[in-house]
C-alpha atoms as a PDB file:
ATOM      1  CA  UNK A   1      14.986   7.468  19.788  1.00  0.00           C
ATOM      2  CA  UNK A   2      13.988   4.340  18.005  1.00  0.00           C
ATOM      3  CA  UNK A   3      11.155   4.091  15.590  1.00  0.00           C
ATOM      4  CA  UNK A   4       9.822   0.656  14.683  1.00  0.00           C
ATOM      5  CA  UNK A   5       8.409   0.645  11.229  1.00  0.00           C
ATOM      6  CA  UNK A   6       6.371  -2.146   9.703  1.00  0.00           C
ATOM      7  CA  UNK A   7       4.990  -1.821   6.213  1.00  0.00           C
ATOM      8  CA  UNK A   8       2.589  -3.818   4.135  1.00  0.00           C
ATOM      9  CA  UNK A   9       3.990  -5.524   1.069  1.00  0.00           C
ATOM     10  CA  UNK A  10       5.361  -3.151  -1.505  1.00  0.00           C
ATOM     11  CA  UNK A  11       5.504  -4.962  -4.801  1.00  0.00           C
ATOM     12  CA  UNK A  12       7.197  -2.069  -6.574  1.00  0.00           C
ATOM     13  CA  UNK A  13      10.921  -2.583  -6.472  1.00  0.00           C
ATOM     14  CA  UNK A  14      19.703  -3.997   1.313  1.00  0.00           C
ATOM     15  CA  UNK A  15      18.804  -6.117   0.001  1.00  0.00           C
ATOM     16  CA  UNK A  16      19.371  -8.565  -1.571  1.00  0.00           C
ATOM     17  CA  UNK A  17      19.475 -11.227  -4.164  1.00  0.00           C
ATOM     18  CA  UNK A  18      17.956 -12.248  -7.389  1.00  0.00           C
ATOM     19  CA  UNK A  19      14.586 -13.596  -8.384  1.00  0.00           C
ATOM     20  CA  UNK A  20      13.441 -17.118  -8.885  1.00  0.00           C
ATOM     21  CA  UNK A  21      10.641 -15.914 -11.162  1.00  0.00           C
ATOM     22  CA  UNK A  22      10.617 -14.275 -14.550  1.00  0.00           C
ATOM     23  CA  UNK A  23       8.669 -11.096 -13.711  1.00  0.00           C
ATOM     24  CA  UNK A  24      11.110  -8.182 -13.513  1.00  0.00           C
ATOM     25  CA  UNK A  25      10.727  -4.856 -11.701  1.00  0.00           C
ATOM     26  CA  UNK A  26      13.013  -1.892 -11.784  1.00  0.00           C
ATOM     27  CA  UNK A  27      14.213   0.285  -8.952  1.00  0.00           C
ATOM     28  CA  UNK A  28      13.840   4.057  -9.414  1.00  0.00           C
ATOM     29  CA  UNK A  29      16.955   5.468 -11.054  1.00  0.00           C
ATOM     30  CA  UNK A  30      18.342   7.410  -8.131  1.00  0.00           C
ATOM     31  CA  UNK A  31      22.010   6.921  -8.893  1.00  0.00           C
ATOM     32  CA  UNK A  32      22.121  10.483 -10.191  1.00  0.00           C
ATOM     33  CA  UNK A  33      21.406  13.085  -7.536  1.00  0.00           C
ATOM     34  CA  UNK A  34      18.240  15.080  -8.379  1.00  0.00           C
ATOM     35  CA  UNK A  35      19.474  18.228  -6.631  1.00  0.00           C
ATOM     36  CA  UNK A  36      22.869  19.193  -5.272  1.00  0.00           C
ATOM     37  CA  UNK A  37      22.621  20.322  -1.656  1.00  0.00           C
ATOM     38  CA  UNK A  38      24.184  23.750  -1.309  1.00  0.00           C
ATOM     39  CA  UNK A  39      22.001  25.344   1.358  1.00  0.00           C
ATOM     40  CA  UNK A  40      21.999  24.768   5.119  1.00  0.00           C
ATOM     41  CA  UNK A  41      18.224  24.507   5.352  1.00  0.00           C
ATOM     42  CA  UNK A  42      16.987  22.964   8.597  1.00  0.00           C
ATOM     43  CA  UNK A  43      14.644  19.973   8.264  1.00  0.00           C
ATOM     44  CA  UNK A  44      12.531  17.763  10.475  1.00  0.00           C
ATOM     45  CA  UNK A  45      12.552  14.044   9.693  1.00  0.00           C
ATOM     46  CA  UNK A  46       9.311  12.142   9.077  1.00  0.00           C
ATOM     47  CA  UNK A  47      10.416   8.690  10.261  1.00  0.00           C
ATOM     48  CA  UNK A  48       7.018   7.117   9.552  1.00  0.00           C
ATOM     49  CA  UNK A  49       7.464   7.380   5.787  1.00  0.00           C
ATOM     50  CA  UNK A  50      10.925   5.879   5.256  1.00  0.00           C
ATOM     51  CA  UNK A  51      11.226   3.395   2.374  1.00  0.00           C
ATOM     52  CA  UNK A  52      14.005   0.985   1.416  1.00  0.00           C
ATOM     53  CA  UNK A  53      14.348  -0.479  -2.086  1.00  0.00           C
ATOM     54  CA  UNK A  54      16.885  -2.983  -3.413  1.00  0.00           C
ATOM     55  CA  UNK A  55      17.761  -4.327  -6.851  1.00  0.00           C
ATOM     56  CA  UNK A  56      19.776  -7.489  -7.532  1.00  0.00           C
ATOM     57  CA  UNK A  57      20.744  -8.833 -10.954  1.00  0.00           C
ATOM     58  CA  UNK A  58      20.550 -12.068 -12.946  1.00  0.00           C
ATOM     59  CA  UNK A  59      21.316 -13.208 -16.526  1.00  0.00           C
ATOM     60  CA  UNK A  60      24.453 -12.293 -18.468  1.00  0.00           C
ATOM     61  CA  UNK A  61      22.807  -9.048 -19.590  1.00  0.00           C
ATOM     62  CA  UNK A  62      22.312  -8.084 -15.915  1.00  0.00           C
ATOM     63  CA  UNK A  63      18.520  -7.918 -15.696  1.00  0.00           C
ATOM     64  CA  UNK A  64      17.352  -6.264 -12.481  1.00  0.00           C
ATOM     65  CA  UNK A  65      15.007  -7.823  -9.919  1.00  0.00           C
ATOM     66  CA  UNK A  66      13.794  -5.438  -7.236  1.00  0.00           C
ATOM     67  CA  UNK A  67      12.067  -5.453  -3.882  1.00  0.00           C
ATOM     68  CA  UNK A  68      11.972  -3.982  -0.405  1.00  0.00           C
ATOM     69  CA  UNK A  69      11.802  -5.012   3.261  1.00  0.00           C
ATOM     70  CA  UNK A  70       8.522  -5.061   5.187  1.00  0.00           C
ATOM     71  CA  UNK A  71      10.121  -4.459   8.571  1.00  0.00           C
ATOM     72  CA  UNK A  72      13.046  -2.403   9.797  1.00  0.00           C
ATOM     73  CA  UNK A  73      14.134  -0.255  12.716  1.00  0.00           C
ATOM     74  CA  UNK A  74      15.444   3.219  11.938  1.00  0.00           C
ATOM     75  CA  UNK A  75      17.301   4.955  14.770  1.00  0.00           C
ATOM     76  CA  UNK A  76      18.375   8.510  13.875  1.00  0.00           C
ATOM     77  CA  UNK A  77      20.913  10.329  16.021  1.00  0.00           C
ATOM     78  CA  UNK A  78      19.130  13.584  15.176  1.00  0.00           C
ATOM     79  CA  UNK A  79      15.644  14.095  13.753  1.00  0.00           C
ATOM     80  CA  UNK A  80      16.127  17.853  13.207  1.00  0.00           C
ATOM     81  CA  UNK A  81      18.954  19.697  11.478  1.00  0.00           C
ATOM     82  CA  UNK A  82      20.541  20.093   8.076  1.00  0.00           C
ATOM     83  CA  UNK A  83      20.786  17.044   5.851  1.00  0.00           C
ATOM     84  CA  UNK A  84      24.257  16.106   7.061  1.00  0.00           C
ATOM     85  CA  UNK A  85      23.182  16.305  10.718  1.00  0.00           C
ATOM     86  CA  UNK A  86      20.107  14.151  10.083  1.00  0.00           C
ATOM     87  CA  UNK A  87      22.058  11.458   8.235  1.00  0.00           C
ATOM     88  CA  UNK A  88      25.245  11.229  10.298  1.00  0.00           C
ATOM     89  CA  UNK A  89      25.215   8.453  12.921  1.00  0.00           C
ATOM     90  CA  UNK A  90      21.773   7.220  11.855  1.00  0.00           C
ATOM     91  CA  UNK A  91      21.360   3.467  12.270  1.00  0.00           C
ATOM     92  CA  UNK A  92      19.260   0.932  10.407  1.00  0.00           C
ATOM     93  CA  UNK A  93      18.489  -2.643  11.425  1.00  0.00           C
ATOM     94  CA  UNK A  94      16.672  -4.904   8.949  1.00  0.00           C
ATOM     95  CA  UNK A  95      15.437  -8.447   9.721  1.00  0.00           C
ATOM     96  CA  UNK A  96      16.175 -10.429   6.565  1.00  0.00           C
ATOM     97  CA  UNK A  97      13.024 -12.523   7.025  1.00  0.00           C
ATOM     98  CA  UNK A  98      11.056  -9.410   6.052  1.00  0.00           C
ATOM     99  CA  UNK A  99      12.450  -9.384   2.498  1.00  0.00           C
ATOM    100  CA  UNK A 100       9.654  -8.640   0.019  1.00  0.00           C
ATOM    101  CA  UNK A 101      10.201  -9.098  -3.703  1.00  0.00           C
ATOM    102  CA  UNK A 102       6.498  -9.140  -4.468  1.00  0.00           C
ATOM    103  CA  UNK A 103       6.388 -12.938  -4.745  1.00  0.00           C
ATOM    104  CA  UNK A 104       6.020 -15.308  -1.787  1.00  0.00           C
ATOM    105  CA  UNK A 105       7.829 -18.223  -3.467  1.00  0.00           C
ATOM    106  CA  UNK A 106      10.780 -16.027  -4.365  1.00  0.00           C
ATOM    107  CA  UNK A 107      10.917 -14.597  -0.830  1.00  0.00           C
ATOM    108  CA  UNK A 108      10.926 -18.105   0.662  1.00  0.00           C
ATOM    109  CA  UNK A 109      13.880 -19.057  -1.526  1.00  0.00           C
ATOM    110  CA  UNK A 110      15.756 -15.870  -0.651  1.00  0.00           C
ATOM    111  CA  UNK A 111      15.400 -16.660   3.044  1.00  0.00           C
ATOM    112  CA  UNK A 112      15.990 -20.412   2.788  1.00  0.00           C
ATOM    113  CA  UNK A 113      18.739 -20.599   0.189  1.00  0.00           C
ATOM    114  CA  UNK A 114      20.509 -17.267   0.565  1.00  0.00           C
ATOM    115  CA  UNK A 115      20.170 -15.519   3.927  1.00  0.00           C
ATOM    116  CA  UNK A 116      20.408 -18.722   6.000  1.00  0.00           C
ATOM    117  CA  UNK A 117      23.435 -19.873   4.031  1.00  0.00           C
ATOM    118  CA  UNK A 118      24.827 -16.341   4.373  1.00  0.00           C
ATOM    119  CA  UNK A 119      24.448 -16.575   8.171  1.00  0.00           C
ATOM    120  CA  UNK A 120      22.652 -13.238   8.193  1.00  0.00           C
ATOM    121  CA  UNK A 121      19.438 -12.800  10.158  1.00  0.00           C
ATOM    122  CA  UNK A 122      19.840  -9.030  10.338  1.00  0.00           C
ATOM    123  CA  UNK A 123      21.391  -6.345   8.195  1.00  0.00           C
ATOM    124  CA  UNK A 124      22.978  -3.586  10.260  1.00  0.00           C
ATOM    125  CA  UNK A 125      23.962  -0.210   8.820  1.00  0.00           C
ATOM    126  CA  UNK A 126      25.308   2.997  10.350  1.00  0.00           C
ATOM    127  CA  UNK A 127      26.076   6.212   8.504  1.00  0.00           C
ATOM    128  CA  UNK A 128      29.503   7.323   9.699  1.00  0.00           C
ATOM    129  CA  UNK A 129      29.967  10.303   7.402  1.00  0.00           C
ATOM    130  CA  UNK A 130      27.788  12.581   5.270  1.00  0.00           C
ATOM    131  CA  UNK A 131      29.087  15.710   3.581  1.00  0.00           C
ATOM    132  CA  UNK A 132      28.679  17.429   0.214  1.00  0.00           C
ATOM    133  CA  UNK A 133      26.303  14.804  -1.214  1.00  0.00           C
ATOM    134  CA  UNK A 134      28.579  11.879  -0.374  1.00  0.00           C
ATOM    135  CA  UNK A 135      29.142   9.701   2.638  1.00  0.00           C
ATOM    136  CA  UNK A 136      30.152   6.381   4.179  1.00  0.00           C
ATOM    137  CA  UNK A 137      28.058   3.568   5.634  1.00  0.00           C
ATOM    138  CA  UNK A 138      29.315   0.857   7.960  1.00  0.00           C
ATOM    139  CA  UNK A 139      27.391  -2.205   6.746  1.00  0.00           C
ATOM    140  CA  UNK A 140      27.456  -5.487   8.694  1.00  0.00           C
ATOM    141  CA  UNK A 141      26.454  -8.832   7.163  1.00  0.00           C
ATOM    142  CA  UNK A 142      27.674 -12.388   7.772  1.00  0.00           C
ATOM    143  CA  UNK A 143      29.469 -11.151  10.891  1.00  0.00           C
ATOM    144  CA  UNK A 144      31.630  -8.822   8.775  1.00  0.00           C
ATOM    145  CA  UNK A 145      31.580  -5.005   8.810  1.00  0.00           C
ATOM    146  CA  UNK A 146      32.656  -3.071   5.727  1.00  0.00           C
ATOM    147  CA  UNK A 147      32.507   0.605   4.857  1.00  0.00           C
ATOM    148  CA  UNK A 148      30.728   1.455   1.604  1.00  0.00           C
ATOM    149  CA  UNK A 149      30.249   4.780  -0.156  1.00  0.00           C
ATOM    150  CA  UNK A 150      26.887   6.378  -0.864  1.00  0.00           C
ATOM    151  CA  UNK A 151      25.518   9.508  -2.487  1.00  0.00           C
ATOM    152  CA  UNK A 152      22.531  11.562  -1.404  1.00  0.00           C
ATOM    153  CA  UNK A 153      20.351  14.417  -2.555  1.00  0.00           C
ATOM    154  CA  UNK A 154      16.969  15.947  -1.809  1.00  0.00           C
ATOM    155  CA  UNK A 155      13.964  15.929  -4.096  1.00  0.00           C
ATOM    156  CA  UNK A 156      10.460  17.135  -3.218  1.00  0.00           C
ATOM    157  CA  UNK A 157      11.067  17.081   0.540  1.00  0.00           C
ATOM    158  CA  UNK A 158      12.633  13.616   0.460  1.00  0.00           C
ATOM    159  CA  UNK A 159      16.248  12.706   1.131  1.00  0.00           C
ATOM    160  CA  UNK A 160      17.251  10.089  -1.442  1.00  0.00           C
ATOM    161  CA  UNK A 161      20.241   7.946  -0.511  1.00  0.00           C
ATOM    162  CA  UNK A 162      21.819   5.624  -3.102  1.00  0.00           C
ATOM    163  CA  UNK A 163      24.492   2.990  -2.703  1.00  0.00           C
ATOM    164  CA  UNK A 164      25.660  -0.179  -4.423  1.00  0.00           C
ATOM    165  CA  UNK A 165      28.006  -2.909  -3.259  1.00  0.00           C
ATOM    166  CA  UNK A 166      29.381  -6.348  -4.008  1.00  0.00           C
ATOM    167  CA  UNK A 167      28.109  -9.083  -1.680  1.00  0.00           C
ATOM    168  CA  UNK A 168      31.351 -11.014  -2.065  1.00  0.00           C
ATOM    169  CA  UNK A 169      33.075  -8.417   0.116  1.00  0.00           C
ATOM    170  CA  UNK A 170      31.085 -10.101   2.908  1.00  0.00           C
ATOM    171  CA  UNK A 171      32.032 -13.617   1.695  1.00  0.00           C
ATOM    172  CA  UNK A 172      28.700 -14.382   0.047  1.00  0.00           C
ATOM    173  CA  UNK A 173      30.119 -16.611  -2.698  1.00  0.00           C
ATOM    174  CA  UNK A 174      28.795 -19.877  -1.268  1.00  0.00           C
ATOM    175  CA  UNK A 175      25.352 -18.471  -0.435  1.00  0.00           C
ATOM    176  CA  UNK A 176      25.014 -17.029  -3.946  1.00  0.00           C
ATOM    177  CA  UNK A 177      26.056 -20.376  -5.404  1.00  0.00           C
ATOM    178  CA  UNK A 178      23.418 -22.207  -3.356  1.00  0.00           C
ATOM    179  CA  UNK A 179      20.674 -19.797  -4.432  1.00  0.00           C
ATOM    180  CA  UNK A 180      21.713 -19.911  -8.068  1.00  0.00           C
ATOM    181  CA  UNK A 181      21.728 -23.722  -8.009  1.00  0.00           C
ATOM    182  CA  UNK A 182      18.199 -23.732  -6.611  1.00  0.00           C
ATOM    183  CA  UNK A 183      17.075 -21.225  -9.264  1.00  0.00           C
ATOM    184  CA  UNK A 184      19.357 -22.455 -12.040  1.00  0.00           C
ATOM    185  CA  UNK A 185      16.826 -22.533 -14.876  1.00  0.00           C
ATOM    186  CA  UNK A 186      15.173 -19.276 -13.886  1.00  0.00           C
ATOM    187  CA  UNK A 187      18.567 -17.571 -13.812  1.00  0.00           C
ATOM    188  CA  UNK A 188      19.422 -18.858 -17.284  1.00  0.00           C
ATOM    189  CA  UNK A 189      19.275 -16.219 -20.008  1.00  0.00           C
ATOM    190  CA  UNK A 190      18.903 -16.403 -23.756  1.00  0.00           C
ATOM    191  CA  UNK A 191      22.607 -17.273 -24.064  1.00  0.00           C
ATOM    192  CA  UNK A 192      22.086 -20.467 -22.074  1.00  0.00           C
ATOM    193  CA  UNK A 193      24.189 -19.228 -19.144  1.00  0.00           C
ATOM    194  CA  UNK A 194      22.816 -19.257 -15.582  1.00  0.00           C
ATOM    195  CA  UNK A 195      24.086 -16.120 -13.880  1.00  0.00           C
ATOM    196  CA  UNK A 196      23.490 -14.471 -10.494  1.00  0.00           C
ATOM    197  CA  UNK A 197      25.463 -11.285  -9.955  1.00  0.00           C
ATOM    198  CA  UNK A 198      26.912 -10.328  -6.553  1.00  0.00           C
ATOM    199  CA  UNK A 199      26.209  -6.615  -7.066  1.00  0.00           C
ATOM    200  CA  UNK A 200      23.222  -4.988  -5.318  1.00  0.00           C
ATOM    201  CA  UNK A 201      21.790  -1.467  -5.576  1.00  0.00           C
ATOM    202  CA  UNK A 202      19.987   0.091  -2.611  1.00  0.00           C
ATOM    203  CA  UNK A 203      17.878   3.254  -2.389  1.00  0.00           C
ATOM    204  CA  UNK A 204      16.626   4.697   0.912  1.00  0.00           C
ATOM    205  CA  UNK A 205      14.021   7.474   0.899  1.00  0.00           C
ATOM    206  CA  UNK A 206      13.628   9.606   4.030  1.00  0.00           C
ATOM    207  CA  UNK A 207      10.783  12.164   4.040  1.00  0.00           C
ATOM    208  CA  UNK A 208      11.613  15.543   5.607  1.00  0.00           C
ATOM    209  CA  UNK A 209       9.861  18.842   6.201  1.00  0.00           C
ATOM    210  CA  UNK A 210      11.463  22.260   6.191  1.00  0.00           C
ATOM    211  CA  UNK A 211      11.658  23.684   9.680  1.00  0.00           C
ATOM    212  CA  UNK A 212       9.842  26.946  10.299  1.00  0.00           C
ATOM    213  CA  UNK A 213      12.274  27.890  13.075  1.00  0.00           C
END
């Protein structure tokens, strides 16, 4: 079953590149799992509350710039089961035009100077494996599919999935160069170097409820 989710702009915080402004926001630190999953508790998924956050980096000291996406389609294989059952074979499709960094000028530049040059109108992800707090995602961008690792945990009835990856695995070098040229001064740090990193962090939050069955 497919659930089409459209959110209003979330200025706090797959994808994908750096800012062309100086205001910085930080993604929640979810790289460390809040709770290790040892039980086989059965959950029901609340697909209406799913959130996606991304953080890209600029400057030599790797300053984070974060955002989200206003629109995406989440298609779970199973909406009820243990965490592994809920995650495995879930699919996510994200129109890149819905990127939201909290600044309209920045979002325009991300779409015009990165995603178009990157030949990526949609980000497509499928979880192929989830077990013991780790898993694999098949991520497609720029016509290229690559498997990336992720970790997951549950905190306060929310599955928190964390991953990071290097955009150059999808041949993003030229698109990053174009964006950095457009934002050259705003990507220049105190050392006088203009830097846009290819690494991106992504956090997905999936609300769940314990099943009473």
